Protein backbone atom coordinates (compact mmCIF):
# COMPACT_ATOMS: atom_id res chain seq x y z
CA MET A 1 18.03 10.91 28.60
CA LEU A 2 15.61 9.23 30.78
CA ASN A 3 13.93 12.53 31.88
CA ASP A 4 13.54 13.87 28.28
CA PRO A 5 9.94 14.19 27.15
CA PRO A 6 9.03 11.77 24.35
CA THR A 7 9.61 13.20 20.87
CA ARG A 8 6.55 13.21 18.68
CA GLU A 9 7.22 11.57 15.36
CA LYS A 10 6.35 13.47 12.33
CA LEU A 11 4.72 12.13 9.29
CA LYS A 12 6.65 12.11 5.98
CA LEU A 13 5.82 11.36 2.47
CA TYR A 14 6.67 7.99 0.90
CA ARG A 15 6.22 6.57 -2.46
CA LEU A 16 5.74 3.02 -3.04
CA ILE A 17 7.09 1.96 -6.38
CA PRO A 18 6.54 -1.29 -8.03
CA VAL A 19 9.87 -2.93 -8.76
CA ALA A 20 8.66 -6.17 -10.26
CA GLN A 21 7.26 -6.31 -13.84
CA ALA A 22 3.69 -6.64 -14.55
CA GLY A 23 4.10 -10.22 -15.49
CA ASP A 24 6.24 -11.28 -12.59
CA PRO A 25 4.85 -14.37 -10.84
CA GLY A 26 5.05 -12.37 -7.54
CA TRP A 27 2.03 -10.70 -8.67
CA ASP A 28 0.03 -13.96 -8.77
CA GLY A 29 -1.58 -13.21 -5.44
CA ALA A 30 -2.03 -9.46 -5.97
CA ASP A 31 -2.79 -7.06 -8.72
CA PHE A 32 -0.23 -4.77 -10.43
CA GLN A 33 -1.37 -1.34 -9.25
CA GLY A 34 1.55 1.29 -10.06
CA ASP A 35 2.68 4.03 -7.64
CA ILE A 36 1.18 5.13 -4.48
CA VAL A 37 1.92 7.96 -2.11
CA VAL A 38 1.37 7.68 1.56
CA ARG A 39 1.79 9.65 4.78
CA ALA A 40 3.75 7.51 7.34
CA PHE A 41 6.19 7.65 10.24
CA SER A 42 8.76 5.49 8.56
CA SER A 43 9.35 3.29 5.41
CA ALA A 44 8.12 0.25 7.32
CA ASP A 45 4.97 2.26 8.37
CA ALA A 46 4.49 3.31 4.70
CA ARG A 47 3.92 -0.22 3.73
CA VAL A 48 1.28 -0.72 6.64
CA ALA A 49 -0.37 2.71 5.80
CA ALA A 50 -0.74 1.58 2.09
CA ALA A 51 -2.28 -1.73 2.82
CA PRO A 52 -5.88 -0.33 3.40
CA ALA A 53 -5.75 1.09 -0.21
CA GLU A 54 -5.41 -2.42 -1.53
CA LEU A 55 -8.73 -3.94 -2.59
CA ASP A 56 -10.59 -5.73 0.13
CA ARG A 57 -11.80 -8.63 -1.97
CA THR A 58 -14.17 -9.93 0.77
CA GLU A 59 -16.26 -6.75 0.56
CA ILE A 60 -16.93 -7.40 -3.20
CA ASP A 61 -16.98 -11.03 -3.03
CA ALA A 62 -14.01 -11.69 -5.36
CA SER A 63 -11.12 -14.14 -5.31
CA GLN A 64 -7.49 -13.85 -6.03
CA SER A 65 -5.06 -16.05 -7.89
CA GLY A 66 -7.41 -17.88 -10.19
CA GLY A 67 -10.14 -18.68 -7.81
CA HIS A 68 -7.70 -19.69 -4.94
CA PRO A 69 -8.36 -17.13 -2.09
CA ILE A 70 -5.44 -15.60 -0.34
CA PRO A 71 -6.96 -13.70 2.44
CA HIS A 72 -3.88 -11.78 3.75
CA ALA A 73 -2.06 -10.97 0.45
CA ASN A 74 -0.73 -7.58 0.53
CA ALA A 75 1.46 -6.39 -2.38
CA PHE A 76 2.46 -3.15 -0.77
CA GLY A 77 4.13 -5.20 2.12
CA ASN A 78 6.13 -7.26 -0.17
CA GLU A 79 9.51 -5.85 -0.80
CA ARG A 80 10.00 -8.03 -3.94
CA LEU A 81 7.07 -6.25 -5.43
CA TYR A 82 7.33 -2.64 -4.08
CA ALA A 83 10.21 -0.36 -3.10
CA VAL A 84 9.65 2.40 -0.63
CA VAL A 85 11.21 5.83 -1.28
CA GLU A 86 10.96 8.79 1.09
CA MET A 87 9.87 11.94 -0.82
CA LEU A 88 11.15 15.56 -0.31
CA ASP A 89 8.24 17.41 1.27
CA ARG A 90 9.04 21.14 0.57
CA ASN A 91 5.43 22.22 0.71
CA GLY A 92 4.68 20.53 4.02
CA VAL A 93 2.00 18.15 2.48
CA ALA A 94 2.77 15.42 5.00
CA ALA A 95 1.90 17.69 8.06
CA ARG A 96 -1.38 18.80 6.53
CA GLY A 97 -3.23 15.46 6.66
CA PRO A 98 -3.79 12.15 8.58
CA ARG A 99 -1.54 9.09 8.09
CA GLY A 100 -2.46 7.07 5.09
CA VAL A 101 -2.86 7.22 1.43
CA VAL A 102 -2.31 10.53 -0.27
CA SER A 103 -2.52 9.71 -3.86
CA GLY A 104 -2.83 6.58 -5.91
CA GLY A 105 -5.16 3.71 -5.17
CA VAL A 106 -6.32 0.36 -6.28
CA SER A 107 -8.39 -0.53 -9.30
CA THR A 108 -11.46 -2.86 -8.75
CA GLY A 109 -11.32 -3.59 -12.45
CA SER A 110 -9.28 -6.74 -12.23
CA ALA A 111 -11.36 -8.27 -9.46
CA LYS A 112 -13.38 -11.27 -10.58
CA PRO A 113 -16.70 -11.79 -8.63
CA THR A 114 -17.04 -15.29 -7.34
CA LEU A 115 -20.95 -15.10 -7.42
CA VAL A 116 -22.70 -14.29 -10.61
CA PRO A 117 -26.32 -13.20 -10.25
């Protein structure tokens, strides 16, 4: 109804699971990272909430895809690379923290520096 107060969305837990094999060409612009769990308002929001966990190559002076920079590559946002599954939250973990990454993360081991001292 028009006079109803707005409902406050509740955070839920979502797991982003890689669906493409590690050698899939879709990974050319991003590194294969494995599962990540996030707090988010929806499955679409889960992809957005996971994006900051992806390595910011500009901060470590590294390039992607064999030296060809792809500034906005985001594996978590690509449905061909990651599926999003809502998780059961029997212990109330989603409500006990801010929107964002709960577990998992991005390895910096595969980043290649573009400048060598």
